[in-house]
Protein backbone atom coordinates (compact mmCIF):
# COMPACT_ATOMS: atom_id res chain seq x y z
CA UNK A 1 0.00 0.00 0.00
CA UNK A 2 2.87 2.36 0.85
CA UNK A 3 4.46 1.64 -2.51
CA UNK A 4 1.23 2.41 -4.31
CA UNK A 5 0.96 5.70 -2.44
CA UNK A 6 4.39 7.00 -3.33
CA UNK A 7 4.99 5.23 -6.64
CA UNK A 8 2.57 3.81 -9.13
CA UNK A 9 4.10 0.38 -9.18
CA UNK A 10 1.10 -1.88 -9.62
CA UNK A 11 1.28 -4.48 -12.37
CA UNK A 12 0.21 -3.04 -15.73
CA UNK A 13 -3.25 -3.81 -17.02
CA UNK A 14 -4.01 -5.04 -20.54
CA UNK A 15 -4.18 -1.49 -21.92
CA UNK A 16 -0.78 -0.77 -20.38
CA UNK A 17 0.90 -3.83 -21.90
CA UNK A 18 -0.26 -2.83 -25.37
CA UNK A 19 2.10 0.15 -25.28
CA UNK A 20 5.37 0.09 -27.19
CA UNK A 21 7.43 0.96 -24.11
CA UNK A 22 6.45 0.75 -20.45
CA UNK A 23 7.92 -0.11 -17.06
CA UNK A 24 6.63 -3.15 -15.23
CA UNK A 25 7.15 -4.42 -11.68
CA UNK A 26 7.11 -7.93 -10.27
CA UNK A 27 8.15 -8.75 -6.69
CA UNK A 28 9.99 -5.43 -6.38
CA UNK A 29 11.94 -5.85 -9.62
CA UNK A 30 11.39 -3.21 -12.30
CA UNK A 31 11.89 -3.82 -16.00
CA UNK A 32 11.58 -1.73 -19.14
CA UNK A 33 9.45 -3.56 -21.68
CA UNK A 34 10.06 -2.46 -25.26
CA UNK A 35 8.10 -3.98 -28.11
CA UNK A 36 7.06 -6.82 -25.83
CA UNK A 37 10.57 -7.72 -24.64
CA UNK A 38 12.65 -6.82 -21.54
CA UNK A 39 15.08 -3.99 -22.27
CA UNK A 40 18.13 -3.28 -20.07
CA UNK A 41 19.49 0.16 -20.84
CA UNK A 42 23.19 0.19 -21.83
CA UNK A 43 23.80 3.62 -23.22
CA UNK A 44 25.82 6.70 -23.88
CA UNK A 45 25.00 10.37 -23.62
CA UNK A 46 25.55 12.12 -26.93
CA UNK A 47 24.36 12.64 -30.48
CA UNK A 48 26.66 10.55 -32.69
CA UNK A 49 28.82 7.43 -33.11
CA UNK A 50 25.80 5.12 -33.22
CA UNK A 51 27.63 2.25 -34.94
CA UNK A 52 30.43 2.42 -32.36
CA UNK A 53 27.83 2.23 -29.61
CA UNK A 54 26.14 -0.76 -31.22
CA UNK A 55 29.43 -2.59 -31.84
CA UNK A 56 30.46 -2.04 -28.21
CA UNK A 57 27.26 -3.68 -26.97
CA UNK A 58 25.30 -0.52 -26.21
CA UNK A 59 21.64 -0.09 -27.07
CA UNK A 60 20.61 3.47 -26.09
CA UNK A 61 21.60 7.07 -26.72
CA UNK A 62 20.44 9.85 -24.41
CA UNK A 63 20.20 13.40 -25.82
CA UNK A 64 19.65 16.76 -24.09
CA UNK A 65 17.76 18.71 -26.75
CA UNK A 66 15.80 18.29 -29.97
CA UNK A 67 18.33 19.71 -32.44
CA UNK A 68 18.42 17.44 -35.51
CA UNK A 69 16.17 14.96 -33.70
CA UNK A 70 14.89 13.55 -36.99
CA UNK A 71 18.42 12.72 -38.13
CA UNK A 72 19.34 11.30 -34.72
CA UNK A 73 16.29 9.03 -34.61
CA UNK A 74 16.88 7.81 -38.16
CA UNK A 75 20.57 7.08 -37.50
CA UNK A 76 19.64 5.29 -34.29
CA UNK A 77 17.08 3.14 -36.08
CA UNK A 78 19.59 2.06 -38.72
CA UNK A 79 21.99 0.96 -35.97
CA UNK A 80 19.44 -0.65 -33.65
CA UNK A 81 19.83 2.07 -31.01
CA UNK A 82 16.99 3.46 -28.86
CA UNK A 83 16.77 7.19 -28.11
CA UNK A 84 15.92 8.94 -24.85
CA UNK A 85 14.98 12.31 -26.32
CA UNK A 86 15.71 15.34 -24.18
CA UNK A 87 13.24 18.22 -24.03
CA UNK A 88 15.19 21.26 -22.75
CA UNK A 89 13.51 23.42 -20.10
CA UNK A 90 14.70 26.56 -18.28
CA UNK A 91 15.48 25.89 -14.63
CA UNK A 92 12.85 26.63 -12.01
CA UNK A 93 14.66 29.76 -10.81
CA UNK A 94 14.10 31.45 -14.17
CA UNK A 95 10.70 32.58 -12.96
CA UNK A 96 10.06 35.07 -15.77
CA UNK A 97 9.94 32.11 -18.17
CA UNK A 98 7.28 30.41 -16.06
CA UNK A 99 5.24 33.36 -14.77
CA UNK A 100 4.46 34.66 -18.26
CA UNK A 101 1.40 32.73 -19.59
CA UNK A 102 2.23 33.56 -23.21
CA UNK A 103 5.75 32.13 -22.89
CA UNK A 104 4.46 29.00 -21.15
CA UNK A 105 1.76 28.46 -23.76
CA UNK A 106 4.15 28.90 -26.67
CA UNK A 107 6.64 26.44 -25.15
CA UNK A 108 3.92 23.85 -24.57
CA UNK A 109 2.64 24.21 -28.12
CA UNK A 110 6.13 23.81 -29.57
CA UNK A 111 6.67 20.62 -27.61
CA UNK A 112 3.22 19.31 -28.53
CA UNK A 113 4.05 19.73 -32.22
CA UNK A 114 7.34 17.93 -31.69
CA UNK A 115 5.76 15.06 -29.71
CA UNK A 116 3.18 14.50 -32.42
CA UNK A 117 5.89 14.50 -35.09
CA UNK A 118 8.16 11.90 -33.48
CA UNK A 119 5.92 9.79 -31.21
CA UNK A 120 5.64 7.00 -33.80
CA UNK A 121 9.33 6.77 -34.62
CA UNK A 122 10.53 3.20 -33.95
CA UNK A 123 13.82 4.37 -32.38
CA UNK A 124 12.14 6.43 -29.64
CA UNK A 125 12.41 4.96 -26.13
CA UNK A 126 11.50 7.75 -23.70
CA UNK A 127 11.15 11.50 -23.26
CA UNK A 128 13.38 13.27 -20.75
CA UNK A 129 11.82 16.55 -19.58
CA UNK A 130 14.59 18.96 -18.61
CA UNK A 131 18.05 18.16 -17.32
CA UNK A 132 19.20 18.68 -13.73
CA UNK A 133 16.25 20.91 -12.90
CA UNK A 134 15.77 22.16 -9.35
CA UNK A 135 12.53 21.08 -7.65
CA UNK A 136 12.22 23.47 -4.67
CA UNK A 137 9.59 23.57 -1.92
CA UNK A 138 8.47 27.20 -1.94
CA UNK A 139 5.13 28.40 -3.28
CA UNK A 140 7.12 30.91 -5.33
CA UNK A 141 7.66 28.08 -7.79
CA UNK A 142 4.00 27.22 -8.23
CA UNK A 143 4.03 28.31 -11.88
CA UNK A 144 7.07 26.15 -12.57
CA UNK A 145 5.27 23.05 -11.31
CA UNK A 146 2.14 23.96 -13.24
CA UNK A 147 4.13 24.32 -16.45
CA UNK A 148 6.14 21.16 -15.82
CA UNK A 149 2.99 19.13 -15.16
CA UNK A 150 1.17 20.60 -18.15
CA UNK A 151 4.06 19.38 -20.29
CA UNK A 152 4.22 15.86 -18.82
CA UNK A 153 0.43 15.53 -18.94
CA UNK A 154 0.48 16.55 -22.59
CA UNK A 155 3.13 13.95 -23.37
CA UNK A 156 1.19 11.22 -21.58
CA UNK A 157 -1.92 12.21 -23.50
CA UNK A 158 -0.31 12.60 -26.93
CA UNK A 159 2.15 9.72 -26.63
CA UNK A 160 1.11 7.01 -24.14
CA UNK A 161 3.56 4.63 -25.86
CA UNK A 162 6.68 6.15 -24.30
CA UNK A 163 7.50 6.85 -20.62
CA UNK A 164 8.54 10.25 -19.30
CA UNK A 165 11.54 10.91 -17.07
CA UNK A 166 13.56 13.84 -15.73
CA UNK A 167 17.06 13.99 -14.27
CA UNK A 168 18.25 15.07 -10.83
CA UNK A 169 21.85 16.04 -10.15
CA UNK A 170 23.22 13.59 -7.58
CA UNK A 171 20.88 12.06 -4.99
CA UNK A 172 18.81 14.98 -3.70
CA UNK A 173 16.14 13.85 -1.22
CA UNK A 174 14.34 17.19 -1.30
CA UNK A 175 13.97 17.09 -5.07
CA UNK A 176 12.86 13.46 -5.06
CA UNK A 177 10.25 14.30 -2.43
CA UNK A 178 8.87 17.17 -4.50
CA UNK A 179 8.89 15.17 -7.72
CA UNK A 180 6.93 12.36 -6.11
CA UNK A 181 4.35 14.64 -4.49
CA UNK A 182 4.05 17.39 -7.08
CA UNK A 183 4.92 15.89 -10.49
CA UNK A 184 3.74 13.09 -12.74
CA UNK A 185 6.58 11.20 -14.38
CA UNK A 186 7.14 7.50 -14.92
CA UNK A 187 10.72 7.13 -13.70
CA UNK A 188 13.32 9.33 -11.96
CA UNK A 189 16.79 9.56 -13.47
CA UNK A 190 20.06 10.75 -11.96
CA UNK A 191 23.29 12.35 -13.13
CA UNK A 192 26.00 11.13 -10.76
CA UNK A 193 29.77 11.29 -11.09
CA UNK A 194 32.19 11.33 -8.15
CA UNK A 195 29.47 10.56 -5.56
CA UNK A 196 28.45 7.32 -7.28
CA UNK A 197 30.21 5.39 -4.51
CA UNK A 198 27.53 6.58 -2.05
CA UNK A 199 24.56 5.95 -4.34
CA UNK A 200 23.59 2.53 -2.94
CA UNK A 201 23.59 3.93 0.60
CA UNK A 202 21.52 6.93 -0.49
CA UNK A 203 18.94 4.67 -2.11
CA UNK A 204 18.62 2.48 0.97
CA UNK A 205 18.37 5.46 3.29
CA UNK A 206 15.41 6.93 1.40
CA UNK A 207 13.61 3.71 0.50
CA UNK A 208 11.11 4.33 3.34
CA UNK A 209 9.66 7.10 1.14
CA UNK A 210 10.60 6.22 -2.42
CA UNK A 211 11.31 2.72 -3.73
CA UNK A 212 10.53 3.14 -7.40
CA UNK A 213 12.63 2.50 -10.52
CA UNK A 214 15.48 4.73 -11.65
CA UNK A 215 18.11 5.22 -14.33
CA UNK A 216 21.51 6.95 -14.35
CA UNK A 217 21.52 9.08 -17.48
CA UNK A 218 24.95 10.58 -16.82
CA UNK A 219 27.84 8.85 -15.09
CA UNK A 220 31.57 8.70 -15.70
CA UNK A 221 34.86 10.13 -14.56
CA UNK A 222 34.97 12.97 -12.05
CA UNK A 223 33.98 16.32 -13.43
CA UNK A 224 36.50 19.12 -12.94
CA UNK A 225 34.09 20.63 -10.41
CA UNK A 226 34.25 17.57 -8.12
CA UNK A 227 37.15 15.60 -6.76
CA UNK A 228 39.81 16.86 -9.16
CA UNK A 229 43.25 18.17 -8.25
CA UNK A 230 44.07 21.68 -9.36
CA UNK A 231 47.01 24.04 -9.60
CA UNK A 232 47.79 27.03 -7.39
CA UNK A 233 45.92 29.30 -9.83
CA UNK A 234 42.86 27.01 -9.97
CA UNK A 235 43.44 25.09 -13.19
CA UNK A 236 41.96 21.59 -12.98
CA UNK A 237 44.40 18.74 -13.54
CA UNK A 238 43.10 16.23 -16.07
CA UNK A 239 43.88 12.51 -16.06
CA UNK A 240 45.37 10.84 -19.12
CA UNK A 241 42.95 8.96 -21.37
CA UNK A 242 44.51 5.72 -20.10
CA UNK A 243 43.74 6.63 -16.51
CA UNK A 244 40.20 7.65 -17.45
CA UNK A 245 39.55 4.26 -19.03
CA UNK A 246 40.60 2.61 -15.77
CA UNK A 247 38.29 4.89 -13.77
CA UNK A 248 35.32 4.09 -16.01
CA UNK A 249 35.91 0.37 -15.56
CA UNK A 250 36.44 0.44 -11.79
CA UNK A 251 33.53 2.82 -11.18
CA UNK A 252 31.09 0.73 -13.22
CA UNK A 253 32.14 -2.59 -11.70
CA UNK A 254 32.31 -1.49 -8.07
CA UNK A 255 29.98 1.52 -7.70
CA UNK A 256 27.19 1.08 -10.25
CA UNK A 257 24.20 -0.61 -8.49
CA UNK A 258 23.92 -3.31 -11.17
CA UNK A 259 22.36 -5.80 -8.76
CA UNK A 260 19.57 -3.47 -7.60
CA UNK A 261 16.13 -4.66 -8.85
CA UNK A 262 15.11 -0.99 -9.16
CA UNK A 263 17.99 -0.18 -11.54
CA UNK A 264 16.93 0.08 -15.20
CA UNK A 265 20.31 0.96 -16.71
CA UNK A 266 22.68 3.83 -17.35
CA UNK A 267 24.26 6.11 -19.97
CA UNK A 268 27.98 6.86 -19.89
CA UNK A 269 29.09 10.48 -20.38
CA UNK A 270 30.16 11.66 -23.00
CA UNK A 271 29.62 9.53 -26.10
CA UNK A 272 31.20 11.94 -28.54
CA UNK A 273 33.45 14.99 -28.49
CA UNK A 274 32.76 18.19 -26.59
CA UNK A 275 34.44 21.17 -24.98
CA UNK A 276 33.93 21.19 -21.22
CA UNK A 277 36.86 22.68 -19.31
CA UNK A 278 38.97 21.08 -22.05
CA UNK A 279 38.09 19.42 -25.35
CA UNK A 280 39.38 16.09 -24.02
CA UNK A 281 38.04 15.94 -20.45
CA UNK A 282 34.86 13.99 -21.14
CA UNK A 283 35.33 13.16 -24.83
CA UNK A 284 35.40 9.44 -25.59
CA UNK A 285 36.07 10.34 -29.25
CA UNK A 286 38.16 13.10 -30.81
CA UNK A 287 36.93 15.70 -33.30
CA UNK A 288 37.79 13.42 -36.25
CA UNK A 289 35.87 10.44 -34.87
CA UNK A 290 38.87 8.49 -33.57
CA UNK A 291 38.20 6.50 -30.38
CA UNK A 292 39.98 6.48 -27.04
CA UNK A 293 40.52 3.43 -24.85
CA UNK A 294 37.25 4.08 -23.01
CA UNK A 295 35.43 2.62 -26.03
CA UNK A 296 37.12 -0.74 -25.43
CA UNK A 297 36.39 -0.43 -21.71
CA UNK A 298 32.67 0.02 -22.32
CA UNK A 299 32.64 -2.93 -24.70
CA UNK A 300 34.14 -5.09 -21.98
CA UNK A 301 31.67 -3.82 -19.36
CA UNK A 302 28.62 -4.27 -21.58
CA UNK A 303 29.53 -7.57 -23.25
CA UNK A 304 32.24 -9.20 -21.11
CA UNK A 305 34.37 -9.43 -24.24
CA UNK A 306 37.86 -7.89 -24.29
CA UNK A 307 38.53 -5.80 -27.37
CA UNK A 308 41.43 -6.88 -29.57
CA UNK A 309 41.90 -3.30 -30.77
CA UNK A 310 44.97 -1.58 -29.37
CA UNK A 311 45.23 2.00 -28.09
CA UNK A 312 48.28 4.20 -27.45
CA UNK A 313 49.57 3.40 -23.98
CA UNK A 314 50.34 6.88 -22.66
CA UNK A 315 51.83 7.30 -19.17
CA UNK A 316 52.16 11.04 -18.59
CA UNK A 317 53.47 14.36 -19.88
CA UNK A 318 56.28 16.50 -18.58
CA UNK A 319 56.69 20.23 -19.24
CA UNK A 320 60.19 21.52 -18.56
CA UNK A 321 60.73 18.22 -16.72
CA UNK A 322 57.80 18.91 -14.36
CA UNK A 323 54.36 17.43 -13.92
CA UNK A 324 51.01 19.21 -13.69
CA UNK A 325 50.99 19.17 -9.88
CA UNK A 326 54.27 21.10 -9.81
CA UNK A 327 52.47 24.41 -10.56
CA UNK A 328 54.45 25.16 -13.70
CA UNK A 329 55.04 28.87 -14.34
CA UNK A 330 56.80 30.12 -17.44
CA UNK A 331 58.18 33.44 -18.55
CA UNK A 332 56.51 35.04 -21.58
CA UNK A 333 57.97 34.32 -25.02
CA UNK A 334 60.44 31.88 -23.45
CA UNK A 335 61.70 28.58 -24.81
CA UNK A 336 59.96 25.59 -23.23
CA UNK A 337 60.01 21.85 -23.87
CA UNK A 338 57.44 19.12 -23.36
CA UNK A 339 57.55 15.35 -23.72
CA UNK A 340 55.15 12.42 -23.53
CA UNK A 341 56.23 9.15 -21.99
CA UNK A 342 54.67 5.88 -23.18
CA UNK A 343 54.37 2.64 -21.23
CA UNK A 344 55.10 0.37 -24.18
CA UNK A 345 57.29 2.49 -26.42
CA UNK A 346 56.42 4.07 -29.76
CA UNK A 347 56.51 1.05 -32.09
CA UNK A 348 52.75 1.18 -32.73
CA UNK A 349 52.53 4.99 -32.78
CA UNK A 350 51.79 6.74 -36.07
CA UNK A 351 51.77 10.41 -35.09
CA UNK A 352 51.44 12.95 -32.28
CA UNK A 353 49.67 16.30 -32.34
CA UNK A 354 50.81 19.04 -29.96
CA UNK A 355 48.55 22.01 -29.20
CA UNK A 356 48.63 24.97 -26.82
CA UNK A 357 45.37 26.65 -25.77
CA UNK A 358 44.56 29.56 -23.54
CA UNK A 359 42.30 28.41 -20.70
CA UNK A 360 38.71 29.62 -20.59
CA UNK A 361 37.39 28.13 -17.34
CA UNK A 362 38.24 31.22 -15.25
CA UNK A 363 36.20 33.77 -17.21
CA UNK A 364 32.94 33.81 -15.24
CA UNK A 365 32.66 32.27 -11.77
CA UNK A 366 35.02 29.46 -12.76
CA UNK A 367 32.55 28.42 -15.47
CA UNK A 368 34.00 27.29 -18.79
CA UNK A 369 32.37 27.82 -22.13
CA UNK A 370 31.38 25.04 -24.49
CA UNK A 371 32.52 26.86 -27.63
CA UNK A 372 35.30 25.35 -29.69
CA UNK A 373 38.62 26.99 -28.80
CA UNK A 374 41.29 27.98 -31.30
CA UNK A 375 44.79 26.66 -30.53
CA UNK A 376 47.64 29.15 -30.28
CA UNK A 377 50.14 26.51 -31.36
CA UNK A 378 49.61 23.32 -33.37
CA UNK A 379 52.37 20.96 -34.41
CA UNK A 380 51.92 17.46 -35.83
CA UNK A 381 54.75 15.02 -36.28
CA UNK A 382 55.66 11.31 -36.51
CA UNK A 383 56.15 8.94 -33.60
CA UNK A 384 59.65 10.29 -33.12
CA UNK A 385 58.13 13.67 -32.18
CA UNK A 386 57.27 12.68 -28.61
CA UNK A 387 59.23 15.74 -27.53
CA UNK A 388 58.60 19.31 -28.61
CA UNK A 389 60.32 22.65 -28.08
CA UNK A 390 58.11 25.72 -28.38
CA UNK A 391 57.97 29.41 -27.53
CA UNK A 392 55.62 30.16 -24.66
CA UNK A 393 52.76 32.69 -25.14
CA UNK A 394 53.57 36.36 -24.66
CA UNK A 395 50.42 37.35 -22.72
CA UNK A 396 50.14 36.72 -18.97
CA UNK A 397 47.57 34.17 -17.85
CA UNK A 398 46.67 30.45 -17.69
CA UNK A 399 47.34 28.06 -20.59
CA UNK A 400 47.44 24.34 -21.26
CA UNK A 401 49.53 22.18 -23.59
CA UNK A 402 47.92 19.05 -25.08
CA UNK A 403 49.33 15.96 -26.74
CA UNK A 404 47.10 13.66 -28.80
CA UNK A 405 48.83 10.43 -29.81
CA UNK A 406 47.50 8.27 -32.68
CA UNK A 407 48.41 4.68 -33.46
CA UNK A 408 48.31 2.87 -36.80
CA UNK A 409 44.85 1.48 -35.96
CA UNK A 410 43.50 5.04 -35.98
CA UNK A 411 42.83 5.28 -32.24
CA UNK A 412 44.14 7.94 -29.89
CA UNK A 413 45.33 8.71 -26.39
CA UNK A 414 45.52 12.15 -24.83
CA UNK A 415 47.18 14.03 -22.00
CA UNK A 416 47.71 17.67 -21.10
CA UNK A 417 49.46 19.95 -18.63
CA UNK A 418 48.35 23.40 -17.39
CA UNK A 419 50.88 26.21 -17.02
CA UNK A 420 50.84 29.91 -16.19
CA UNK A 421 52.61 32.74 -17.96
CA UNK A 422 53.92 35.23 -15.41
CA UNK A 423 54.48 38.84 -16.36
CA UNK A 424 54.92 40.38 -19.79
CA UNK A 425 57.92 40.36 -22.14
């Protein structure tokens, strides 16, 4: 009875089971049913590399907006991938976008048109309303909840074939409480990174109130905002791609609640290439489509099969014989040298690309942009170019030098080191 009060977890009736996708429960175990068959979500967050996802054993792609949704759904269908389509919403604190009836109406009508257009697409799995929204208590946010519920009610009415979810950043009991009492969605999803180790405990501690199904629609290595080392001037220190692959594997095997009967699956972040603090921090692929070792890691985790494809075995980078934690400061327009050390030599290495970028994370409240940055220096050479001598930038401020190493199989490894230019020439 308690479960029925706080989560609609009764067994589906005949009308329910006729839907293309729904969530069922039996003896406390939840399952996604898609086209009449159980569906365990093994996914990535992104917009591309569908064949790579399929070949690695994945079955789902989660998106954050509706840009090029027709192309995404069609590409997913060709590759046997399901799509969790994101519907972007302003956060609840942007009250002017919820208190204006004309704005709310226009947004609802736009989404209604979109739902009607794509609700019959065979690649569609679910709708995700917003991403990391805040769900506060105060009556000030009444219009937000009204707008949110009008949207979810419209989706349920227009497209009963596909469940509706939303994501919460980390495990926030207050937000879960408000979602359960004030919203109508089919499943709660979470974005969890460095606190994934505490997720099982969080779930158990709040099961007295909420014991429904859930998904993790973002998980992966630590974000720069959590659990990362940084320099004296606040530049986040990034792990090598080799180290990241190890973190993905260990985190999934030891921290992901795979055994939990409430767990419906997860999406690794980020299945593609994006700028976030750096262009390599979360990127499993580079801008040309080459793959890092994390692709092989996910194949192993999803299928149990070890990939035979090799990846450059990078150890670390040194800049003027120092590591990133040594708070490297350089004079302007000075000669500097960097080198990359490999664990297994350079026999399988085809080329290395060196680049120097000015940092952008410090511009506004330590928030980086997502725009593509232009390198100040780019130099590409053969395997013998694992060392480089360059002239440091002339303008004072924070910078970072990157090395991207490619092997003959077309895969890459990456590493970088932040440095600071002190003074002017």
